[in-house]
Protein backbone atom coordinates (compact mmCIF):
# COMPACT_ATOMS: atom_id res chain seq x y z
CA MET A 1 -11.50 13.80 -2.15
CA ASN A 2 -8.90 11.58 -3.90
CA TRP A 3 -6.39 12.31 -1.05
CA PHE A 4 -8.78 10.40 1.30
CA LEU A 5 -7.57 7.21 -0.32
CA LEU A 6 -4.31 7.58 1.41
CA VAL A 7 -5.93 7.61 4.89
CA PRO A 8 -6.38 3.80 5.48
CA ILE A 9 -2.94 3.21 4.09
CA PHE A 10 -0.86 5.81 5.99
CA LEU A 11 -3.02 6.28 9.19
CA PRO A 12 -1.79 3.03 10.57
CA PHE A 13 1.85 4.03 9.87
CA PHE A 14 1.25 7.24 11.82
CA LEU A 15 -0.60 5.38 14.69
CA ALA A 16 2.21 2.75 14.93
CA GLY A 17 4.68 5.65 15.34
CA VAL A 18 2.51 7.21 18.03
CA GLY A 19 2.01 3.86 19.64
CA THR A 20 5.74 3.72 20.60
CA LYS A 21 4.94 6.40 23.09
CA VAL A 22 1.28 5.48 24.03
CA LEU A 23 1.30 1.73 24.32
CA PHE A 24 3.69 1.47 27.32
CA LYS A 25 1.28 3.53 29.56
CA GLY A 26 -0.80 0.65 30.85
CA GLU A 27 -3.03 -2.21 29.66
CA LYS A 28 -6.18 -0.18 29.46
CA ILE A 29 -4.70 2.65 27.40
CA ARG A 30 -3.07 0.12 25.13
CA ASN A 31 -6.33 -1.64 24.46
CA ILE A 32 -8.24 1.53 23.82
CA PHE A 33 -5.52 2.68 21.42
CA ALA A 34 -5.35 -0.64 19.51
CA VAL A 35 -9.12 -0.92 19.10
CA SER A 36 -9.43 2.75 18.18
CA SER A 37 -6.67 2.35 15.54
CA VAL A 38 -8.23 -0.55 13.73
CA ALA A 39 -11.69 0.88 14.07
CA MET A 40 -10.68 4.18 12.38
CA ASN A 41 -8.98 2.21 9.66
CA PHE A 42 -12.13 0.17 9.05
CA LEU A 43 -14.30 3.28 8.96
CA ALA A 44 -12.01 4.95 6.40
CA VAL A 45 -12.23 1.86 4.15
CA LEU A 46 -15.97 1.80 4.61
CA ALA A 47 -16.21 5.44 3.66
CA ILE A 48 -14.28 4.81 0.38
CA PHE A 49 -16.59 1.78 -0.34
CA LEU A 50 -19.76 3.88 0.27
CA GLN A 51 -18.46 6.71 -1.90
CA GLY A 52 -18.99 4.14 -4.75
CA LYS A 53 -16.65 5.40 -7.34
CA GLU A 54 -13.11 4.57 -8.60
CA THR A 55 -10.57 7.11 -7.40
CA LYS A 56 -6.77 7.34 -7.96
CA ILE A 57 -3.81 9.40 -6.87
CA ASP A 58 -0.28 9.63 -8.21
CA LEU A 59 1.79 10.10 -5.12
CA LEU A 60 5.30 10.14 -6.61
CA ARG A 61 6.23 9.63 -10.26
CA ILE A 62 9.89 9.65 -11.21
CA ASN A 63 9.65 7.77 -14.52
CA PRO A 64 7.17 5.21 -16.06
CA LEU A 65 8.60 2.41 -13.84
CA ILE A 66 9.21 4.17 -10.55
CA ASP A 67 5.69 5.39 -9.97
CA VAL A 68 3.97 5.26 -6.58
CA TYR A 69 0.37 5.19 -7.64
CA PHE A 70 -2.86 4.23 -5.76
CA LYS A 71 -6.27 3.42 -7.18
CA VAL A 72 -9.52 2.19 -5.80
CA ASP A 73 -11.38 -0.52 -7.67
CA LYS A 74 -13.88 -3.32 -6.68
CA LEU A 75 -11.20 -5.97 -6.21
CA GLY A 76 -9.03 -3.75 -4.03
CA LEU A 77 -12.10 -2.74 -1.95
CA LEU A 78 -13.16 -6.40 -1.54
CA PHE A 79 -9.73 -7.23 -0.02
CA ALA A 80 -9.41 -4.10 1.97
CA LEU A 81 -12.83 -4.66 3.57
CA LEU A 82 -11.99 -8.31 4.31
CA ALA A 83 -8.61 -7.39 6.00
CA SER A 84 -9.95 -4.36 8.02
CA THR A 85 -12.94 -6.31 9.31
CA LEU A 86 -10.95 -9.38 10.48
CA TRP A 87 -8.33 -7.03 12.02
CA ILE A 88 -10.93 -5.77 14.39
CA PHE A 89 -11.75 -9.34 15.59
CA THR A 90 -8.07 -10.24 15.96
CA THR A 91 -7.49 -7.03 18.01
CA PHE A 92 -10.08 -7.94 20.65
CA TYR A 93 -8.80 -11.47 20.70
CA SER A 94 -5.15 -10.31 21.00
CA MET A 95 -5.98 -8.05 23.97
CA GLU A 96 -6.51 -11.06 26.21
CA TYR A 97 -4.39 -13.75 24.49
CA MET A 98 -1.13 -11.75 24.42
CA LYS A 99 -1.17 -11.44 28.24
CA HIS A 100 0.60 -14.77 28.55
CA GLU A 101 2.84 -14.16 25.46
CA GLY A 102 4.29 -10.84 26.82
CA LYS A 103 5.85 -7.94 24.87
CA GLU A 104 2.28 -6.68 24.05
CA GLU A 105 3.61 -3.24 23.25
CA ARG A 106 5.91 -4.44 20.48
CA PHE A 107 3.20 -6.83 19.14
CA PHE A 108 0.63 -4.07 18.78
CA ILE A 109 2.94 -1.65 17.08
CA PHE A 110 3.83 -4.15 14.27
CA PHE A 111 0.22 -5.40 14.28
CA ILE A 112 -1.14 -1.91 13.46
CA LEU A 113 1.80 -1.30 11.07
CA THR A 114 0.95 -4.57 9.10
CA LEU A 115 -2.65 -3.33 8.69
CA GLY A 116 -1.49 -0.19 6.90
CA ILE A 117 0.88 -2.24 4.61
CA THR A 118 -1.94 -4.61 3.81
CA MET A 119 -4.18 -1.58 2.85
CA GLY A 120 -1.33 -0.37 0.64
CA ILE A 121 -1.41 -3.72 -1.17
CA ALA A 122 -5.12 -3.57 -1.61
CA PHE A 123 -5.16 0.00 -3.10
CA SER A 124 -1.99 -0.22 -5.25
CA GLY A 125 -2.60 1.03 -8.77
CA ASN A 126 0.40 -0.51 -10.47
CA LEU A 127 2.74 -3.45 -9.87
CA PHE A 128 5.65 -1.24 -8.73
CA THR A 129 3.65 0.17 -5.83
CA LEU A 130 2.26 -3.17 -4.97
CA TYR A 131 5.84 -4.65 -4.93
CA ILE A 132 7.08 -1.95 -2.45
CA PHE A 133 4.19 -2.85 -0.01
CA TYR A 134 4.64 -6.57 -0.69
CA GLU A 135 8.29 -6.29 0.51
CA LEU A 136 7.29 -4.15 3.48
CA LEU A 137 4.82 -6.81 4.53
CA THR A 138 7.62 -9.33 4.91
CA LEU A 139 9.60 -6.84 7.05
CA ALA A 140 6.68 -5.92 9.24
CA THR A 141 5.53 -9.41 9.95
CA PHE A 142 9.05 -10.73 10.64
CA PRO A 143 9.09 -9.33 14.19
CA LEU A 144 5.63 -10.99 14.77
CA VAL A 145 6.86 -14.40 13.68
CA ILE A 146 9.90 -14.24 16.00
CA HIS A 147 7.86 -12.69 18.91
CA ALA A 148 8.75 -15.37 21.41
CA GLY A 149 12.45 -14.85 20.85
CA SER A 150 13.22 -18.52 21.24
CA LYS A 151 15.70 -20.50 19.13
CA GLU A 152 12.89 -22.11 17.31
CA ALA A 153 11.17 -18.74 16.66
CA LEU A 154 14.38 -17.25 15.32
CA TYR A 155 14.94 -20.19 13.02
CA SER A 156 11.38 -19.98 11.67
CA GLY A 157 11.84 -16.23 11.16
CA LYS A 158 14.99 -16.81 9.28
CA LYS A 159 13.22 -19.36 6.99
CA TYR A 160 10.38 -16.92 6.47
CA LEU A 161 12.65 -14.12 5.44
CA ILE A 162 14.58 -16.32 3.07
CA TYR A 163 11.53 -17.79 1.33
CA SER A 164 9.72 -14.33 1.19
CA LEU A 165 12.67 -12.30 -0.07
CA GLY A 166 13.78 -15.07 -2.46
CA GLY A 167 10.25 -15.19 -4.03
CA ALA A 168 10.08 -11.37 -4.16
CA THR A 169 13.49 -11.33 -6.01
CA LEU A 170 12.15 -13.86 -8.56
CA ALA A 171 9.05 -11.70 -9.03
CA LEU A 172 11.24 -8.57 -9.43
CA LEU A 173 13.13 -10.34 -12.24
CA GLY A 174 9.83 -11.02 -14.02
CA MET A 175 8.65 -7.39 -13.51
CA ILE A 176 11.85 -5.97 -15.07
CA LEU A 177 11.55 -8.32 -18.04
CA LEU A 178 8.00 -7.52 -18.49
CA PHE A 179 8.49 -3.70 -18.25
CA SER A 180 11.14 -3.85 -20.99
CA MET A 181 8.47 -5.22 -23.24
CA THR A 182 5.39 -3.27 -22.24
CA SER A 183 6.64 0.08 -20.69
CA SER A 184 3.73 0.02 -18.28
CA LEU A 185 2.90 -1.90 -15.09
CA ASN A 186 -0.44 -0.19 -14.40
CA PHE A 187 -3.39 -2.30 -13.32
CA ILE A 188 -5.90 -2.38 -16.16
CA PRO A 189 -8.97 -4.78 -16.23
CA GLY A 190 -8.23 -7.35 -18.93
CA GLY A 191 -4.46 -6.64 -18.71
CA VAL A 192 -2.07 -4.11 -20.14
CA LEU A 193 -1.13 -6.78 -22.84
CA LYS A 194 -4.78 -7.13 -23.98
CA GLY A 195 -4.76 -6.90 -27.83
CA ALA A 196 -0.98 -6.85 -28.07
CA LEU A 197 0.87 -8.94 -30.59
CA ILE A 198 2.92 -11.47 -28.70
CA ASP A 199 6.15 -11.82 -30.83
CA ASN A 200 7.73 -14.37 -28.43
CA PRO A 201 5.09 -16.41 -26.59
CA HIS A 202 7.84 -18.73 -25.15
CA LEU A 203 9.62 -15.82 -23.38
CA MET A 204 6.26 -14.40 -22.26
CA ARG A 205 5.32 -17.75 -20.78
CA ILE A 206 8.56 -17.85 -18.84
CA ILE A 207 7.99 -14.34 -17.54
CA TYR A 208 4.56 -15.17 -16.34
CA THR A 209 5.67 -18.40 -14.68
CA VAL A 210 8.60 -16.69 -12.97
CA MET A 211 6.28 -13.95 -11.59
CA PHE A 212 3.59 -16.46 -10.56
CA LEU A 213 6.12 -18.49 -8.68
CA GLY A 214 7.80 -15.53 -7.14
CA PHE A 215 4.65 -14.00 -5.88
CA GLY A 216 3.22 -17.50 -5.23
CA VAL A 217 5.69 -18.00 -2.28
CA LYS A 218 3.47 -15.92 -0.06
CA ALA A 219 0.53 -17.93 -1.31
CA ALA A 220 2.30 -21.12 -0.17
CA ILE A 221 2.37 -22.77 -3.43
CA VAL A 222 4.26 -26.11 -3.42
CA PRO A 223 7.23 -26.43 -3.23
CA PHE A 224 7.61 -23.06 -1.68
CA HIS A 225 5.21 -23.74 1.20
CA SER A 226 7.27 -24.98 4.17
CA TRP A 227 7.80 -21.47 5.64
CA LEU A 228 4.06 -21.48 6.53
CA PRO A 229 4.02 -24.40 8.95
CA ALA A 230 7.36 -23.25 10.44
CA ALA A 231 5.82 -19.85 11.28
CA MET A 232 3.36 -21.64 13.61
CA VAL A 233 5.82 -20.93 16.40
CA ALA A 234 4.39 -17.40 16.45
CA PRO A 235 1.50 -16.48 18.90
CA THR A 236 -1.90 -17.55 17.66
CA PRO A 237 -3.12 -14.00 16.76
CA VAL A 238 -0.14 -13.81 14.55
CA SER A 239 -0.85 -17.26 13.02
CA SER A 240 -4.38 -16.14 12.40
CA LEU A 241 -3.09 -12.99 10.70
CA LEU A 242 -0.65 -14.83 8.55
CA HIS A 243 -2.87 -17.74 7.48
CA ALA A 244 -6.20 -15.98 7.17
CA VAL A 245 -5.66 -12.36 6.21
CA ALA A 246 -2.38 -10.54 5.77
CA VAL A 247 0.35 -12.66 4.23
CA VAL A 248 -1.05 -15.58 2.27
CA LYS A 249 -4.11 -13.67 1.07
CA SER A 250 -1.83 -10.81 -0.02
CA GLY A 251 0.04 -13.51 -2.03
CA VAL A 252 -3.08 -14.59 -3.75
CA PHE A 253 -4.28 -11.06 -4.31
CA VAL A 254 -1.12 -10.22 -6.09
CA LEU A 255 -1.38 -13.29 -8.27
CA ILE A 256 -4.97 -12.09 -9.34
CA ARG A 257 -3.60 -8.66 -10.12
CA VAL A 258 -0.73 -10.11 -12.25
CA SER A 259 -2.91 -12.63 -14.02
CA TYR A 260 -5.95 -10.47 -14.79
CA PHE A 261 -4.70 -6.82 -14.67
CA ILE A 262 -1.27 -7.22 -16.18
CA PHE A 263 -1.17 -10.23 -18.53
CA GLY A 264 -4.99 -10.75 -18.95
CA SER A 265 -6.70 -14.14 -19.49
CA GLU A 266 -6.58 -13.84 -23.28
CA VAL A 267 -2.77 -13.56 -23.33
CA ILE A 268 -2.27 -16.30 -20.74
CA ARG A 269 -4.31 -18.69 -22.89
CA THR A 270 -2.34 -17.57 -25.97
CA ILE A 271 0.94 -18.31 -24.37
CA HIS A 272 -0.29 -21.35 -22.45
CA GLY A 273 0.87 -19.59 -19.26
CA ASN A 274 -1.21 -21.86 -16.90
CA LYS A 275 0.15 -25.05 -18.45
CA TYR A 276 2.82 -25.88 -15.92
CA ILE A 277 1.42 -23.87 -13.08
CA SER A 278 -1.75 -25.96 -13.00
CA VAL A 279 0.28 -29.08 -12.11
CA LEU A 280 1.77 -27.28 -9.07
CA VAL A 281 -1.67 -26.19 -8.06
CA PHE A 282 -2.94 -29.81 -8.10
CA ILE A 283 -0.04 -30.91 -6.02
CA THR A 284 -0.62 -27.99 -3.58
CA ILE A 285 -4.28 -28.88 -3.04
CA LEU A 286 -3.64 -32.66 -2.47
CA LEU A 287 -0.20 -32.55 -0.74
CA GLY A 288 -1.45 -29.84 1.79
CA SER A 289 -4.32 -32.15 2.74
CA LEU A 290 -2.19 -35.29 3.05
CA LEU A 291 0.47 -33.53 5.14
CA ALA A 292 -2.20 -32.11 7.42
CA LEU A 293 -3.39 -35.70 8.11
CA HIS A 294 -0.09 -36.58 9.76
CA GLN A 295 0.11 -33.56 12.19
CA GLU A 296 -0.55 -34.16 15.78
CA ASN A 297 0.05 -30.47 16.59
CA LEU A 298 -3.29 -28.60 16.12
CA LYS A 299 -1.71 -25.43 14.74
CA LYS A 300 0.44 -27.26 12.27
CA ARG A 301 -2.57 -29.28 11.08
CA LEU A 302 -4.36 -26.01 10.28
CA ALA A 303 -1.24 -24.62 8.62
CA TYR A 304 -1.04 -27.45 6.12
CA SER A 305 -4.75 -27.13 5.73
CA THR A 306 -4.16 -23.61 4.61
CA VAL A 307 -1.69 -24.69 2.05
CA SER A 308 -4.34 -26.97 0.54
CA GLN A 309 -7.09 -24.35 0.70
CA LEU A 310 -4.97 -21.77 -0.89
CA GLY A 311 -4.56 -24.27 -3.82
CA TYR A 312 -8.41 -23.84 -4.36
CA ILE A 313 -8.00 -20.11 -4.85
CA LEU A 314 -5.09 -20.58 -7.13
CA LEU A 315 -7.11 -23.05 -9.14
CA GLY A 316 -9.81 -20.32 -9.55
CA ILE A 317 -7.15 -18.03 -10.94
CA ILE A 318 -5.53 -20.33 -13.46
CA LEU A 319 -8.79 -21.72 -14.97
CA LEU A 320 -9.32 -18.36 -16.59
CA ASN A 321 -13.04 -18.41 -16.72
CA GLU A 322 -15.82 -16.43 -14.90
CA ASN A 323 -17.26 -19.32 -12.77
CA ALA A 324 -13.74 -20.37 -11.61
CA LEU A 325 -12.63 -16.82 -10.69
CA THR A 326 -15.90 -16.24 -8.91
CA GLY A 327 -15.26 -19.40 -6.86
CA GLY A 328 -11.72 -18.38 -6.19
CA LEU A 329 -12.68 -15.01 -4.90
CA LEU A 330 -15.53 -16.46 -2.84
CA HIS A 331 -13.05 -18.92 -1.33
CA LEU A 332 -10.71 -16.19 -0.61
CA ILE A 333 -13.43 -14.59 1.64
CA ASN A 334 -14.84 -17.85 3.03
CA HIS A 335 -11.50 -19.41 3.90
CA ALA A 336 -10.34 -16.25 5.66
CA VAL A 337 -13.38 -16.24 7.91
CA ILE A 338 -13.37 -19.95 8.55
CA LYS A 339 -9.67 -20.35 9.10
CA ILE A 340 -9.36 -17.37 11.50
CA THR A 341 -12.18 -18.92 13.55
CA LEU A 342 -10.37 -22.31 13.66
CA PHE A 343 -7.19 -20.68 14.79
CA PHE A 344 -8.95 -18.70 17.52
CA CYS A 345 -10.42 -21.87 18.74
CA VAL A 346 -7.09 -23.66 18.88
CA GLY A 347 -5.46 -20.64 20.55
CA ALA A 348 -8.29 -20.62 23.12
CA ILE A 349 -7.50 -24.26 23.96
CA TYR A 350 -3.84 -23.49 24.42
CA TYR A 351 -4.58 -20.33 26.49
CA MET A 352 -6.85 -22.14 28.88
CA THR A 353 -5.21 -25.56 29.14
CA HIS A 354 -1.77 -25.24 27.57
CA LYS A 355 -2.64 -28.28 25.28
CA LYS A 356 -1.37 -28.26 21.71
CA ASN A 357 -1.79 -31.80 20.38
CA MET A 358 -4.51 -34.13 19.28
CA ASP A 359 -3.95 -36.75 21.99
CA GLU A 360 -4.27 -34.06 24.76
CA ILE A 361 -7.77 -32.78 23.91
CA LYS A 362 -9.82 -35.90 24.71
CA GLY A 363 -13.17 -34.80 26.22
CA ILE A 364 -12.24 -31.14 26.08
CA GLY A 365 -15.64 -30.49 24.38
CA ARG A 366 -17.29 -30.90 27.75
CA ARG A 367 -15.05 -28.30 29.35
CA MET A 368 -15.01 -25.84 26.49
CA PRO A 369 -18.49 -26.40 24.88
CA ILE A 370 -18.86 -23.03 23.06
CA THR A 371 -15.36 -22.98 21.76
CA MET A 372 -15.46 -26.61 20.40
CA TRP A 373 -19.00 -26.10 19.02
CA CYS A 374 -17.66 -23.08 17.00
CA PHE A 375 -14.70 -25.29 15.97
CA GLY A 376 -17.04 -27.97 14.74
CA ILE A 377 -19.21 -25.57 12.81
CA ALA A 378 -16.19 -23.98 11.05
CA SER A 379 -14.69 -27.46 10.35
CA ILE A 380 -17.93 -28.64 8.67
CA SER A 381 -17.92 -25.36 6.63
CA LEU A 382 -14.39 -25.90 5.50
CA VAL A 383 -15.12 -29.39 4.31
CA GLY A 384 -17.85 -27.85 2.08
CA ILE A 385 -20.98 -29.72 3.27
CA PRO A 386 -24.16 -28.00 1.96
CA PRO A 387 -25.30 -25.36 2.83
CA THR A 388 -22.09 -23.93 4.19
CA ASN A 389 -20.18 -21.03 2.67
CA ALA A 390 -17.19 -23.10 1.44
CA PHE A 391 -19.71 -25.33 -0.41
CA VAL A 392 -20.77 -22.30 -2.44
CA SER A 393 -17.30 -21.40 -3.40
CA LYS A 394 -16.34 -24.97 -4.25
CA TRP A 395 -19.41 -25.29 -6.35
CA PHE A 396 -18.42 -22.39 -8.60
CA LEU A 397 -14.81 -23.80 -8.76
CA ALA A 398 -16.26 -27.15 -9.96
CA LEU A 399 -18.40 -25.33 -12.54
CA GLY A 400 -15.30 -23.47 -13.68
CA GLY A 401 -13.51 -26.84 -14.09
CA LEU A 402 -16.32 -28.37 -16.12
CA SER A 403 -16.42 -25.22 -18.20
CA GLU A 404 -12.86 -26.20 -19.44
CA ASN A 405 -14.27 -29.73 -20.30
CA LYS A 406 -11.97 -31.41 -17.80
CA ILE A 407 -13.58 -33.63 -15.22
CA ILE A 408 -10.22 -33.79 -13.32
CA PHE A 409 -10.83 -30.49 -11.72
CA PRO A 410 -14.06 -31.29 -9.81
CA VAL A 411 -12.64 -34.80 -8.98
CA ILE A 412 -9.59 -33.18 -7.32
CA LEU A 413 -11.92 -30.86 -5.36
CA LEU A 414 -14.04 -33.88 -4.22
CA VAL A 415 -10.87 -35.83 -3.15
CA SER A 416 -9.51 -32.79 -1.21
CA ALA A 417 -12.99 -32.15 0.47
CA PHE A 418 -12.80 -35.89 1.67
CA LEU A 419 -9.22 -35.36 2.97
CA THR A 420 -10.31 -32.11 4.68
CA ALA A 421 -13.06 -34.02 6.57
CA THR A 422 -10.40 -36.72 7.47
CA TYR A 423 -8.05 -34.30 9.19
CA LEU A 424 -10.59 -31.85 10.71
CA LEU A 425 -13.49 -33.91 12.00
CA PRO A 426 -11.29 -36.26 14.18
CA ILE A 427 -10.48 -33.19 16.18
CA VAL A 428 -14.24 -32.67 16.83
CA VAL A 429 -14.76 -36.34 17.61
CA THR A 430 -11.79 -36.44 19.96
CA ALA A 431 -13.14 -33.34 21.82
CA PHE A 432 -16.72 -34.46 22.22
CA PHE A 433 -16.77 -38.27 22.02
CA HIS A 434 -13.74 -39.45 24.07
CA LYS A 435 -13.99 -39.81 27.76
CA GLU A 436 -12.32 -37.01 29.63
CA GLU A 437 -9.23 -38.08 31.46
CA GLN A 438 -9.75 -35.52 34.27
CA LYS A 439 -12.82 -35.65 36.43
CA ASN A 440 -12.97 -31.86 36.82
CA ILE A 441 -15.54 -30.59 34.21
CA GLU A 442 -15.49 -26.92 35.11
CA ASN A 443 -16.15 -24.59 32.13
CA LEU A 444 -12.91 -23.62 30.54
CA ASP A 445 -14.21 -21.44 27.64
CA PRO A 446 -11.91 -18.41 27.31
CA PRO A 447 -12.68 -14.83 28.52
CA LEU A 448 -15.21 -12.77 26.60
CA LYS A 449 -12.52 -10.85 24.74
CA MET A 450 -11.56 -14.08 23.11
CA LEU A 451 -14.83 -15.91 23.13
CA VAL A 452 -17.07 -13.25 21.49
CA PRO A 453 -14.84 -12.97 18.35
CA ILE A 454 -15.00 -16.75 17.89
CA VAL A 455 -18.80 -16.72 18.22
CA VAL A 456 -19.31 -13.80 15.98
CA LEU A 457 -17.06 -15.15 13.27
CA THR A 458 -18.84 -18.52 13.45
CA THR A 459 -22.16 -16.77 13.10
CA ILE A 460 -20.74 -14.89 9.96
CA THR A 461 -19.59 -18.26 8.62
CA VAL A 462 -23.04 -19.72 8.84
CA PHE A 463 -24.64 -16.48 7.48
CA LEU A 464 -22.39 -16.49 4.39
CA GLY A 465 -23.45 -20.12 3.71
CA LEU A 466 -27.18 -19.47 4.04
CA PHE A 467 -27.16 -16.07 2.21
CA PRO A 468 -24.17 -16.13 -0.15
CA ASN A 469 -25.81 -13.49 -2.42
CA VAL A 470 -24.67 -10.85 0.06
CA ILE A 471 -21.18 -10.93 -1.46
CA LEU A 472 -21.79 -13.22 -4.53
CA HIS A 473 -23.24 -10.44 -6.81
CA TYR A 474 -20.29 -8.09 -6.02
CA ILE A 475 -17.67 -10.88 -6.76
CA GLN A 476 -19.52 -11.77 -10.02
CA GLN A 477 -19.26 -8.17 -11.17
CA ILE A 478 -15.42 -8.20 -10.43
CA ALA A 479 -15.07 -11.49 -12.41
CA LYS A 480 -17.07 -10.14 -15.39
CA ASN A 481 -15.22 -6.90 -15.61
CA ILE A 482 -11.74 -8.36 -15.64
CA LEU A 483 -12.34 -11.32 -17.97
């Protein structure tokens, strides 16, 4: 049954190819095809999860470096289940939203293709295979970023390509140097370097830093973050995809693989690999929040928020202890669910009213009560007020910081939480507590295809806060196995 591992990876490739013939035959057929595609992919991932055992398949091996190798483990399954689940919500949302964006056929082809590439990243068994899909992710999401075809969209797409390909080139350099020293890039819990004698810790630290920064471009680590707000020119479903699931979370996922399955926590401590990176992570957390404060455009405010929140996950990676990694992995899940909800709400506002900025949404909570209530709940969750889901992940991150005997880590988390409240809660206040400029108070909540995903995702956000053990024990097992 090892071959079944290839289904969630290559089925979307096949369906995207078929879609070039099917998607142009009408809206109803297009919607059925899109939903069926992502649903089949989810069922395939679920079947692998329920099988409950690690499987692997060597698809193409030319030499120890050029080896296309796939493997199922708990970390890969966690990421695959997250992506395939949120893809379903985004599909339903997109069926309605993309009506006013146009070119729906092209959108859904690359939308489905990106799903397969993301599954390839999740189930890669070595760094070479992961790198191939990492590069493919850039190429597949580029048409989504420039979907509008405007001058601004083309500029943002160009910036996205330069940053992504530049970062990938830097990562490739690190991979080549590392392979020359280890002769293996396979993912092994604890790292392929575990127990190895490090003859040149200075060189090894440079290699780790180069790879972290290279792959960290997609994780929007400062100073390589500016492509992310620029990509806001894309349609809202694409923004949701980039900021909550596919691109930025793939960047974080790769950094976890590099840190804990290639180098290993023991080696990183030995070579002080996190010494300089930790400074950039602190700056990422605080600068993202500060920049979000100054954004009038709602989508850009959420984009800079993502930069800051990704810093939380990166902090969980570089602290190199079980509590911190548990918090980082939890926040990877929690932030994805919360942020996709926030983007869906902002997209619904634009879809129904064509309003994009803070000063344009005064009193809109009366006209879009369900949408803005969901936005408010998601905002409170992202701040980390107990008993929300982000509070749980930030709690573990704080414990991880205290485990390193450094009070600065929880202090930075508290400051960032305050800043998060400062840039998100005014949106809720403006929507509900400012007098509406127009007298017409007809309900403007979006159609059900958009509203239902928003409500269900908000419900999941609340559920994960009240019952975190649903995923907490699974994540703790992952952290324990790789540390």
